Amino acid sequence: MSRSTAWMCLGGGVILFGLGVQRVWHHGDWALLILSVLIGAFSISALMKDKTRK
């Protein structure tokens, strides 16, 4: 995964995190929140791996 793709995925994960918090608050649905945390974690992992590689 390229660095720019990892940043785009992290940005999308942050947006989904906000939507996930809203869904938990209003509907009690945790699926989107958990998915956004996983997307964020994998994106940060890709960014860190790329940073140590260079």
Protein backbone atom coordinates (compact mmCIF):
# COMPACT_ATOMS: atom_id res chain seq x y z
CA MET A 1 0.00 0.00 0.00
CA SER A 2 1.45 3.37 -0.95
CA ARG A 3 1.76 6.14 1.59
CA SER A 4 -0.93 8.28 -0.04
CA THR A 5 -3.36 5.35 -0.10
CA ALA A 6 -2.72 4.71 3.60
CA TRP A 7 -3.46 8.37 4.38
CA MET A 8 -6.70 8.22 2.37
CA CYS A 9 -7.75 5.06 4.22
CA LEU A 10 -6.97 6.72 7.54
CA GLY A 11 -9.07 9.74 6.58
CA GLY A 12 -11.94 7.48 5.58
CA GLY A 13 -11.59 5.59 8.85
CA VAL A 14 -11.85 8.83 10.81
CA ILE A 15 -15.02 9.79 8.93
CA LEU A 16 -16.50 6.34 9.49
CA PHE A 17 -15.55 6.57 13.16
CA GLY A 18 -17.65 9.70 13.50
CA LEU A 19 -20.57 8.05 11.76
CA GLY A 20 -20.09 4.94 13.90
CA VAL A 21 -20.25 6.95 17.12
CA GLN A 22 -23.45 8.56 15.87
CA ARG A 23 -24.98 5.14 15.07
CA VAL A 24 -24.04 3.78 18.49
CA TRP A 25 -25.55 6.84 20.15
CA HIS A 26 -28.84 6.74 18.24
CA HIS A 27 -29.37 3.08 17.32
CA GLY A 28 -27.02 1.02 19.48
CA ASP A 29 -25.36 -0.44 16.36
CA TRP A 30 -21.65 -1.14 16.96
CA ALA A 31 -20.71 -2.62 13.57
CA LEU A 32 -19.63 0.60 11.83
CA LEU A 33 -17.64 1.76 14.86
CA ILE A 34 -15.73 -1.52 15.07
CA LEU A 35 -15.08 -1.50 11.33
CA SER A 36 -13.75 2.07 11.45
CA VAL A 37 -11.38 1.21 14.31
CA LEU A 38 -10.01 -1.71 12.29
CA ILE A 39 -9.56 0.47 9.20
CA GLY A 40 -7.74 3.06 11.28
CA ALA A 41 -5.51 0.48 12.93
CA PHE A 42 -4.47 -1.12 9.64
CA SER A 43 -3.86 2.30 8.07
CA ILE A 44 -1.66 3.42 10.96
CA SER A 45 0.15 0.10 10.81
CA ALA A 46 0.84 0.58 7.09
CA LEU A 47 2.11 4.12 7.70
CA MET A 48 4.42 2.97 10.50
CA LYS A 49 5.73 0.05 8.48
CA ASP A 50 6.47 2.38 5.55
CA LYS A 51 8.21 4.85 7.88
CA THR A 52 10.56 2.21 9.32
CA ARG A 53 11.30 0.80 5.86
CA LYS A 54 12.78 4.09 4.58
